Structure formats: structure tokens, C-alpha cells
Protein backbone atom coordinates (compact mmCIF):
# COMPACT_ATOMS: atom_id res chain seq x y z
CA MET A 1 112.36 96.20 -68.14
CA ALA A 2 110.04 97.81 -65.60
CA ASN A 3 111.10 95.52 -62.70
CA THR A 4 114.84 96.05 -62.96
CA ILE A 5 117.24 98.82 -61.96
CA THR A 6 120.69 99.36 -63.18
CA GLN A 7 123.66 99.23 -60.78
CA HIS A 8 124.36 102.80 -61.67
CA SER A 9 120.94 103.94 -60.49
CA TYR A 10 121.07 101.66 -57.47
CA TYR A 11 124.27 103.20 -56.09
CA LYS A 12 122.97 106.65 -57.08
CA ALA A 13 119.88 106.12 -54.98
CA LEU A 14 121.98 104.93 -51.96
CA THR A 15 124.25 107.96 -52.35
CA GLY A 16 121.21 110.18 -52.22
CA ILE A 17 119.98 108.38 -49.09
CA GLY A 18 123.40 108.96 -47.47
CA VAL A 19 123.13 112.70 -48.23
CA GLY A 20 119.67 112.75 -46.89
CA VAL A 21 120.80 111.19 -43.57
CA ILE A 22 123.54 113.86 -43.34
CA LEU A 23 121.04 116.59 -43.78
CA LEU A 24 118.60 115.05 -41.30
CA GLY A 25 121.44 114.81 -38.81
CA ILE A 26 122.28 118.47 -39.32
CA ALA A 27 118.67 119.47 -38.86
CA LEU A 28 118.41 117.44 -35.60
CA TYR A 29 121.72 118.88 -34.34
CA PHE A 30 120.52 122.48 -34.75
CA ALA A 31 117.11 121.49 -33.19
CA SER A 32 119.16 120.93 -29.89
CA ILE A 33 116.83 118.07 -28.64
CA LYS A 34 118.59 117.03 -25.45
CA THR A 35 116.91 113.60 -25.25
CA LEU A 36 118.68 112.60 -28.51
CA TYR A 37 122.09 113.08 -27.00
CA ASP A 38 124.69 112.48 -29.80
CA LEU A 39 122.25 110.90 -32.24
CA PRO A 40 122.53 113.77 -34.80
CA VAL A 41 126.37 113.45 -34.86
CA ILE A 42 126.16 109.73 -35.24
CA MET A 43 123.64 110.07 -38.03
CA MET A 44 125.93 112.54 -39.82
CA LEU A 45 128.81 110.04 -39.52
CA ILE A 46 126.70 107.27 -40.91
CA GLY A 47 125.60 109.49 -43.67
CA VAL A 48 129.07 110.40 -44.66
CA TRP A 49 130.10 106.71 -44.67
CA MET A 50 127.10 105.82 -46.88
CA THR A 51 127.75 108.72 -49.23
CA LEU A 52 131.46 107.94 -49.65
CA GLN A 53 131.03 104.25 -50.12
CA ASN A 54 128.14 104.28 -52.53
CA GLY A 55 129.33 107.53 -54.24
CA TYR A 56 132.59 105.79 -55.19
CA ARG A 57 130.65 102.91 -56.69
CA PHE A 58 128.38 105.31 -58.40
CA THR A 59 131.22 107.24 -60.03
CA HIS A 60 133.28 104.09 -60.71
CA PRO A 61 130.77 101.63 -62.05
CA ARG A 62 131.84 98.10 -62.95
CA ALA A 63 132.00 97.16 -66.50
CA HIS A 64 129.05 95.04 -67.70
CA ALA A 65 127.57 95.04 -64.14
CA PRO A 66 124.17 93.16 -64.24
CA ASP A 67 120.94 94.94 -63.54
CA ILE A 68 119.16 94.33 -60.22
CA VAL A 69 115.88 92.49 -60.68
CA LEU A 70 113.18 93.87 -58.38
CA ASN A 71 111.11 90.87 -57.27
CA SER A 72 110.20 88.76 -54.23
CA LYS A 73 113.22 86.52 -54.85
CA THR A 74 115.61 89.49 -54.68
CA LEU A 75 113.89 90.71 -51.55
CA ASN A 76 114.18 87.24 -50.01
CA ASN A 77 117.90 87.09 -50.78
CA VAL A 78 118.47 90.51 -49.18
CA LEU A 79 116.64 89.57 -46.11
CA THR A 80 118.61 86.26 -45.88
CA ASN A 81 122.01 87.80 -46.48
CA TYR A 82 121.42 90.68 -44.08
CA ALA A 83 119.14 89.00 -41.55
CA ILE A 84 121.69 89.32 -38.60
CA ILE A 85 122.43 92.95 -39.49
CA ILE A 86 118.69 93.79 -39.62
CA ALA A 87 118.19 92.06 -36.31
CA MET A 88 121.08 94.03 -34.77
CA VAL A 89 119.65 97.30 -36.04
CA VAL A 90 116.26 96.44 -34.51
CA LEU A 91 118.02 95.53 -31.16
CA VAL A 92 119.96 98.77 -31.25
CA LEU A 93 116.73 100.79 -31.74
CA ILE A 94 115.12 99.00 -28.83
CA ILE A 95 118.15 99.63 -26.64
CA CYS A 96 118.07 103.29 -27.61
CA PHE A 97 114.42 103.51 -26.74
CA LEU A 98 114.95 101.88 -23.34
CA GLN A 99 118.15 103.78 -22.57
CA PRO A 100 118.62 106.96 -24.70
CA ARG A 101 122.13 107.40 -23.22
CA PHE A 102 123.24 104.67 -25.66
CA MET A 103 123.06 107.33 -28.38
CA GLN A 104 126.50 108.94 -27.44
CA VAL A 105 129.72 109.22 -29.38
CA ARG A 106 131.42 107.96 -26.23
CA VAL A 107 129.52 104.65 -26.53
CA VAL A 108 130.41 104.29 -30.21
CA LEU A 109 134.09 104.97 -29.36
CA ASP A 110 133.90 102.36 -26.62
CA ILE A 111 132.43 99.81 -29.04
CA MET A 112 135.10 100.53 -31.57
CA THR A 113 137.75 100.17 -28.98
CA GLN A 114 136.51 96.83 -27.71
CA SER A 115 136.20 95.63 -31.30
CA SER A 116 139.76 96.46 -32.31
CA THR A 117 141.65 93.41 -30.87
CA LYS A 118 138.67 91.20 -31.65
CA LEU A 119 138.82 92.23 -35.20
CA ILE A 120 142.56 91.46 -35.48
CA ILE A 121 141.93 87.97 -34.05
CA ALA A 122 138.93 87.46 -36.49
CA LEU A 123 141.08 88.55 -39.45
CA GLY A 124 143.57 85.89 -38.55
CA ILE A 125 141.05 83.16 -38.04
CA CYS A 126 139.29 83.96 -41.26
CA PHE A 127 142.17 82.55 -43.26
CA THR A 128 141.70 79.18 -41.66
CA LEU A 129 137.94 79.30 -42.29
CA ILE A 130 138.37 80.23 -45.98
CA ILE A 131 140.07 76.84 -46.45
CA ALA A 132 137.10 75.18 -44.69
CA GLY A 133 139.08 74.73 -41.46
CA CYS A 134 139.29 76.44 -38.15
CA ASP A 135 141.78 77.41 -35.47
CA LEU A 136 141.07 76.41 -31.87
CA SER A 137 144.40 77.57 -30.69
CA ALA A 138 143.76 81.23 -31.38
CA GLY A 139 142.72 82.24 -27.86
CA ARG A 140 145.54 80.45 -26.11
CA ILE A 141 148.09 81.98 -28.47
CA VAL A 142 146.61 85.40 -27.58
CA GLY A 143 147.25 84.52 -23.92
CA LEU A 144 150.81 83.36 -24.65
CA ALA A 145 151.71 86.58 -26.45
CA ALA A 146 150.29 88.60 -23.51
CA VAL A 147 152.26 86.70 -20.87
CA ILE A 148 155.49 86.76 -22.76
CA SER A 149 155.47 90.47 -23.68
CA THR A 150 154.37 91.57 -20.25
CA SER A 151 156.89 89.46 -18.37
CA MET A 152 159.73 91.35 -20.19
CA LEU A 153 158.21 94.80 -20.11
CA GLN A 154 157.95 95.56 -16.38
CA THR A 155 159.30 98.66 -14.69
CA ALA A 156 162.69 98.39 -12.97
CA ASP A 157 161.25 99.38 -9.60
CA TYR A 158 158.37 96.92 -9.60
CA GLY A 159 158.39 94.69 -6.49
CA ASN A 160 157.54 91.39 -8.08
CA ARG A 161 159.41 91.38 -11.43
CA PHE A 162 159.20 88.33 -13.62
CA PHE A 163 162.89 88.63 -14.38
CA PRO A 164 164.54 90.57 -11.65
CA GLU A 165 167.95 90.73 -13.28
CA LEU A 166 166.65 91.56 -16.76
CA SER A 167 167.82 95.06 -18.02
CA GLN A 168 165.32 97.40 -19.62
CA LEU A 169 164.90 96.18 -23.17
CA PRO A 170 163.80 98.28 -26.19
CA LEU A 171 160.01 98.16 -26.46
CA PHE A 172 160.01 96.32 -29.84
CA VAL A 173 162.26 93.41 -28.69
CA PRO A 174 159.89 91.66 -26.29
CA ILE A 175 156.97 92.33 -28.63
CA LEU A 176 158.88 90.85 -31.50
CA VAL A 177 159.89 87.84 -29.41
CA ALA A 178 156.30 87.23 -28.34
CA VAL A 179 154.95 87.47 -31.87
CA CYS A 180 157.68 85.23 -33.30
CA ILE A 181 157.09 82.55 -30.62
CA CYS A 182 153.30 82.62 -31.50
CA MET A 183 154.22 82.17 -35.17
CA MET A 184 156.19 79.14 -34.28
CA PHE A 185 153.18 77.56 -32.76
CA GLY A 186 151.27 78.64 -35.95
CA ALA A 187 153.96 76.85 -37.96
CA LEU A 188 153.23 73.69 -35.89
CA ASN A 189 149.50 74.02 -36.77
CA GLY A 190 150.39 74.49 -40.43
CA PHE A 191 152.81 71.54 -40.43
CA LEU A 192 150.33 69.23 -38.90
CA VAL A 193 147.74 70.22 -41.47
CA ALA A 194 149.96 70.26 -44.56
CA GLN A 195 152.32 67.38 -43.83
CA TYR A 196 149.87 64.89 -42.33
CA GLU A 197 146.66 66.23 -43.89
CA MET A 198 145.26 66.43 -40.33
CA HIS A 199 141.95 68.20 -40.07
CA PRO A 200 142.60 71.72 -38.73
CA PHE A 201 140.02 71.03 -35.94
CA ILE A 202 142.12 68.28 -34.42
CA ALA A 203 145.56 69.85 -35.27
CA THR A 204 144.66 73.22 -33.63
CA LEU A 205 142.98 71.54 -30.67
CA ALA A 206 146.23 69.68 -30.00
CA THR A 207 148.26 72.81 -30.33
CA SER A 208 145.89 74.71 -28.11
CA VAL A 209 146.56 72.27 -25.29
CA ILE A 210 150.33 72.50 -25.91
CA VAL A 211 150.25 76.26 -25.94
CA TYR A 212 148.22 76.55 -22.73
CA GLY A 213 150.49 74.06 -20.97
CA SER A 214 153.59 75.81 -22.10
CA CYS A 215 152.26 79.23 -21.17
CA SER A 216 151.27 77.97 -17.71
CA LEU A 217 154.72 76.44 -17.14
CA TYR A 218 156.32 79.79 -18.21
CA PHE A 219 153.92 81.70 -15.96
CA ASP A 220 154.69 79.48 -13.00
CA LEU A 221 158.46 80.05 -13.16
CA PRO A 222 160.01 81.53 -9.91
CA PRO A 223 159.93 84.06 -8.63
CA ASN A 224 156.56 84.80 -10.31
CA ASN A 225 154.95 81.44 -9.25
CA SER A 226 151.77 81.98 -11.20
CA GLN A 227 151.06 85.42 -9.82
CA PRO A 228 149.29 88.00 -12.13
CA ILE A 229 151.97 89.94 -14.00
CA GLY A 230 151.69 93.71 -13.46
CA GLY A 231 153.80 96.80 -13.09
CA VAL A 232 154.17 97.26 -16.90
CA ARG A 233 156.32 100.00 -18.42
CA PRO A 234 154.45 103.20 -19.42
CA ASP A 235 155.66 103.04 -22.95
CA PHE A 236 154.17 99.51 -23.18
CA ALA A 237 150.86 100.52 -21.59
CA ALA A 238 150.75 103.49 -24.01
CA LEU A 239 150.31 100.95 -26.90
CA GLY A 240 146.85 100.06 -25.56
CA GLN A 241 145.80 103.08 -23.56
CA THR A 242 146.80 106.17 -25.53
CA LYS A 243 143.90 108.35 -26.72
CA PHE A 244 143.98 110.97 -29.44
CA PHE A 245 142.05 114.19 -29.63
CA GLN A 246 141.00 113.94 -25.95
CA GLY A 247 139.78 117.02 -24.26
CA GLY A 248 136.99 119.54 -24.29
CA GLY A 249 134.41 117.01 -23.43
CA PHE A 250 135.51 114.60 -26.18
CA PRO A 251 136.48 111.13 -24.80
CA GLY A 252 139.27 110.65 -27.38
CA VAL A 253 140.02 108.07 -29.90
CA SER A 254 141.87 104.87 -28.64
CA ILE A 255 145.15 104.07 -30.37
CA LEU A 256 143.79 100.59 -30.79
CA ILE A 257 141.37 101.83 -33.48
CA PRO A 258 143.92 103.17 -35.97
CA ILE A 259 146.13 100.03 -35.27
CA ALA A 260 143.22 97.72 -36.14
CA ALA A 261 142.33 99.82 -39.13
CA ILE A 262 145.90 99.59 -40.50
CA ILE A 263 146.05 95.84 -40.01
CA THR A 264 142.65 95.50 -41.65
CA VAL A 265 143.81 97.38 -44.81
CA ILE A 266 146.95 95.17 -44.92
CA ILE A 267 144.82 91.97 -44.68
CA TRP A 268 142.34 93.26 -47.33
CA PHE A 269 145.35 93.82 -49.67
CA VAL A 270 146.70 90.35 -48.91
CA LEU A 271 143.43 88.63 -49.54
CA ASN A 272 142.50 90.58 -52.69
CA LYS A 273 145.65 91.81 -54.36
CA THR A 274 148.25 89.07 -53.86
CA VAL A 275 148.85 85.69 -55.31
CA PHE A 276 148.78 84.12 -51.79
CA GLY A 277 145.36 85.57 -51.18
CA LYS A 278 144.03 84.15 -54.56
CA ASN A 279 145.68 80.84 -53.57
CA VAL A 280 143.79 80.82 -50.25
CA TYR A 281 140.45 81.40 -51.90
CA ALA A 282 141.29 78.71 -54.53
CA LEU A 283 142.21 76.18 -51.87
CA GLY A 284 138.99 76.86 -50.06
CA GLY A 285 136.80 76.85 -53.04
CA ASN A 286 138.03 73.70 -54.82
CA ARG A 287 141.21 71.89 -53.49
CA GLU A 288 141.48 69.63 -56.47
CA ALA A 289 141.17 72.46 -58.98
CA ALA A 290 143.76 74.47 -57.05
CA VAL A 291 146.21 71.67 -57.20
CA VAL A 292 145.66 71.30 -60.93
CA ALA A 293 146.12 75.06 -61.31
CA GLY A 294 149.59 74.81 -59.72
CA VAL A 295 148.92 76.12 -56.20
CA ASN A 296 151.48 74.87 -53.69
CA VAL A 297 149.03 73.46 -51.17
CA TYR A 298 151.70 72.62 -48.57
CA ALA A 299 153.22 76.12 -48.51
CA THR A 300 149.87 77.82 -48.58
CA ASN A 301 148.54 75.84 -45.64
CA LEU A 302 151.69 76.40 -43.63
CA PHE A 303 151.69 80.19 -44.25
CA ILE A 304 147.95 80.51 -43.49
CA PHE A 305 148.51 79.27 -39.95
CA VAL A 306 151.75 81.20 -39.43
CA LEU A 307 150.13 84.41 -40.52
CA ALA A 308 147.00 83.85 -38.40
CA ALA A 309 149.16 83.10 -35.32
CA GLY A 310 151.18 86.37 -35.96
CA LEU A 311 147.97 88.32 -35.91
CA TYR A 312 146.84 86.50 -32.64
CA GLY A 313 150.25 87.41 -31.14
CA ILE A 314 149.72 91.15 -32.08
CA ALA A 315 146.18 91.11 -30.55
CA GLY A 316 147.63 89.40 -27.37
CA VAL A 317 150.31 92.15 -27.01
CA LEU A 318 147.77 94.91 -27.53
CA GLU A 319 145.34 93.29 -24.90
CA ALA A 320 148.16 93.15 -22.44
CA ALA A 321 149.02 96.77 -23.08
CA ARG A 322 145.38 97.73 -22.81
CA THR A 323 144.88 96.11 -19.43
CA ALA A 324 148.43 96.81 -18.20
CA GLY A 325 148.91 93.11 -17.07
CA ALA A 326 148.44 89.48 -18.00
CA THR A 327 147.81 86.01 -16.64
CA ASN A 328 147.93 82.59 -18.30
CA GLN A 329 144.12 82.74 -18.53
CA TYR A 330 144.11 85.57 -21.09
CA GLY A 331 142.47 84.85 -24.40
CA MET A 332 140.40 81.99 -23.16
CA GLY A 333 137.37 81.50 -25.52
CA TYR A 334 138.47 84.22 -27.85
CA GLU A 335 138.65 81.95 -30.81
CA LEU A 336 134.99 80.89 -30.45
CA ASP A 337 133.95 84.65 -30.50
CA ALA A 338 136.19 85.20 -33.52
CA ILE A 339 134.83 82.27 -35.43
CA ALA A 340 131.29 83.32 -34.54
CA ALA A 341 131.93 86.95 -35.71
CA CYS A 342 133.35 85.62 -39.08
CA VAL A 343 130.36 83.41 -39.67
CA VAL A 344 127.93 86.22 -38.82
CA GLY A 345 129.97 88.33 -41.26
CA GLY A 346 129.35 85.98 -44.10
CA VAL A 347 132.51 83.74 -44.00
CA SER A 348 131.32 80.43 -45.21
CA LEU A 349 132.11 77.27 -43.15
CA MET A 350 132.13 75.44 -46.44
CA GLY A 351 135.21 77.48 -47.35
CA GLY A 352 136.11 79.80 -50.36
CA ILE A 353 133.90 82.67 -49.27
CA ALA A 354 134.91 85.70 -47.19
CA THR A 355 135.03 89.43 -47.27
CA VAL A 356 136.99 91.78 -44.93
CA SER A 357 133.97 94.15 -44.83
CA GLY A 358 131.79 91.24 -43.74
CA ILE A 359 134.25 90.23 -40.98
CA ILE A 360 134.26 93.85 -39.73
CA ALA A 361 130.47 93.79 -39.71
CA GLY A 362 130.42 90.53 -37.86
CA VAL A 363 132.74 91.70 -35.10
CA PHE A 364 130.86 94.90 -34.63
CA VAL A 365 127.56 92.98 -34.43
CA PHE A 366 128.72 90.89 -31.55
CA THR A 367 130.44 93.81 -29.78
CA ILE A 368 127.35 96.02 -30.14
CA ILE A 369 124.92 93.28 -28.91
CA THR A 370 127.19 92.44 -25.92
CA TYR A 371 127.91 96.07 -25.06
CA GLY A 372 124.18 97.04 -25.62
CA LEU A 373 122.79 94.24 -23.50
CA GLN A 374 125.24 95.14 -20.67
CA PHE A 375 124.17 98.78 -21.07
CA ILE A 376 120.52 97.94 -20.33
CA SER A 377 121.61 95.50 -17.49
CA VAL A 378 120.50 92.28 -19.18
CA SER A 379 121.67 89.25 -17.21
CA PRO A 380 124.96 87.75 -18.49
CA MET A 381 123.25 84.40 -18.68
CA TRP A 382 120.66 85.81 -21.02
CA GLN A 383 123.45 87.42 -22.98
CA GLN A 384 124.94 84.01 -23.62
CA VAL A 385 121.62 82.63 -24.77
CA ILE A 386 121.14 85.43 -27.25
CA LYS A 387 124.71 85.02 -28.59
CA GLY A 388 124.02 81.34 -28.98
CA ILE A 389 120.87 82.04 -30.95
CA ILE A 390 122.70 84.43 -33.23
CA ILE A 391 125.46 81.87 -33.95
CA ALA A 392 123.01 79.08 -34.69
CA THR A 393 120.96 81.40 -36.99
CA ALA A 394 123.99 82.60 -38.83
CA VAL A 395 125.25 78.98 -39.45
CA ALA A 396 121.74 78.00 -40.59
CA ILE A 397 121.62 80.80 -43.02
CA ASP A 398 125.18 79.93 -44.36
CA MET A 399 124.22 76.27 -44.75
CA GLY A 400 120.93 77.26 -46.47
CA LYS A 401 122.87 79.34 -49.03
CA TYR A 402 125.33 76.47 -49.62
CA ARG A 403 122.40 74.03 -50.29
CA LYS A 404 120.87 76.46 -52.75
CA LYS A 405 124.22 76.62 -54.73
CA ASN A 406 124.28 72.86 -54.87
């Protein structure tokens, strides 16, 4: 038919566009236009990503993949599904026009670094969203992990040690202790949801209060007495502050970026290639059908919250290492940003729908918008207004798609 295009041709065209972006970036690079800063390099990187992603799909076509119908309905669906991404691209272009220094590799690396721990938290919270729930304890669990790990990883000569008599422990011991304690609170979440069929909103709200109170009591222990915890060991700080390939004018790649990338690959594998991942989607898509299919609802719910809390714990440890300190206020509100990023990334609040690539996009959307608005000195109050509009729009789009399906 004249108004259709095959999947093969579609990805071939996108691969060609990627190659074109690379060539344009190369041309601009050799043109040496100073006002473009690092835009040619950024374009080449984007072009390589487009070429690799779509080239793989072009050379490995799906069997019996349906043709793409070219009509107004298809265009409307594309605009609906990618409305937030399109809005972000427009905003980035406006920021680049107002402040060309935004087009630097350093800025891109800063955004990726800031997104790393946020992505880990979002990957944890997405499991609870897939089953049409949520997790309001995420931020407080992040703070708990930060306080526990930092309190046991201070230098021996620091004047205000949390545990003055504690000997220098191997680095992995306090980290493991912190993550395991976080997972215990995750188990509490899962137990309340699985055993009493309590709505995750209420269960995790209760746990959030318990976690914050427990963390504050721990933080107030003498001789610390609620003082900010500092003086962290260099090997601990290195977990969040090390940079690779730094030098020669290149700002370096933060260690947080490969750590987040590794965790992302693991979560993608869990969601897409394991029985547990399939059970999570089944439970979120249709609970009754999942029960009939033999899914252990109790165990699945329990492990979802334990796994999520483990990821929050890892993020809390990395945040403490990055900032070389911690207080009981760490992580406050992080769960709301993570939920918003997931929703913007296409995770349905109705359950059963989520992709790791969408979550990555959602986290980057929020980080880019926040970083970009700060870059052009937009008032923090206006930043909150804009973020609120984005969240409301994303939820409205999600609900609209849900209504269409029903």
C-alpha cells in the first residue's frame, strides 16, 4: 500500500539519518565555529547512538513485524507518546540559543553524573509502579543507607567520629550492612502489601515514617548528637568522586556513570529475561490472570519491595560517597522525583507497562530540564512550576492512553 512503510525500511531510514548526523557533526567540527562549542562532538555521539540502535534493528528484523501505516492517526500517536521528549528537545534548543555554553561535553557529563543515582532509584521504584503501586519510603531509605554507611566509614583521625572506638573496617562491610538494613525495611513493605493486601501507598507511607524516625534516632546517638557526618575515608569517597580519562582539557567521566550503567543492564535483564520479571508484568497487567497462571503473588510482592529497597540502599551509599558526608535529611523527596521520572518515561500508573529505556529517558528529561533551567538562571520557584506541569501532562497522557485501550 502507498501509505505504509515496512519496519525494515523504517529502521533503514533512521540508520541513514544517524549517519547523516555523524557526517554533519564532522563537517561542523572541521569548520571550527567557536560559538558552537562542543555541539559537533555531541552531534557525532548522538549520530553514533542512532546508527547503532537502529542499525541493529535494521540488520535483525523481527519476524512478522507489522508495517507502519502513514496517516494522521499514526502521527497523533507519535506526538502523544513522545510529547514530553519533544517538549524537552524544544526547551534544550531554547537554552542553547540563550546560553551557547550549554553545548559542551562537560555539561553533558554533569547531567549524566547527576542522573546516575536518580536512575538507580527510579529503576527500583519502577517495580512497584508496574504492579500499579508506589513506594513512598524510597527517599527515606536512601537517607538511611547514606547515614549508616558514612557513620562507619570515617577516617581514624577525624575529630568527631560517630564510633570513636570502631576499628577501620573493610570498605564492603559497612556498605553491605547499610544495604541489608535497607532491604529489611523493603521486606516490611512487601510483608504489609503481601500479607495484609495493604495498598502500597499506605504501607510504604507507614514504613517511610518508621525509617525516618529510626534514622533520626541513630543519627542522634552520642557523641554525634545529630551533627552532620563528615570525615569520610578516601576509599569510600572514591566510590562517588573518581573520574576516568581526566586530563588534557577533558573533564573526565564520573565513576557513577558506569556503575549506573551496569545496574541498568542488570535490571533490564531481570525485567525481560527472568521468570520473576515476567511475573512482575503479569501481576501488574492482570492480577487475577496471574494467579490463575500460577504466579506466587505473595513471594513476588515481597521480593519486589526487597529488590527496590536494595537499589535505594545502593543509591544512598553512592550519594554519601559523592558528597563525602550525610545527614538524616538525605533523600528527602527523592521518591517523588523518581515516580515522576518513571511516569514521564512511559511507566503506566495503571500497571503492567514499563521499559528500562523509557525510565532512562524520563530520568534524563527531568535532569536536563532542572540543570538547563539552572544554567540560564531561572528562579527555583519557576522550576517547580515547570516540573509540576510536566508531571501533570505526563499523567494526563498516560490516563488518556489507558482510556483508549478500554
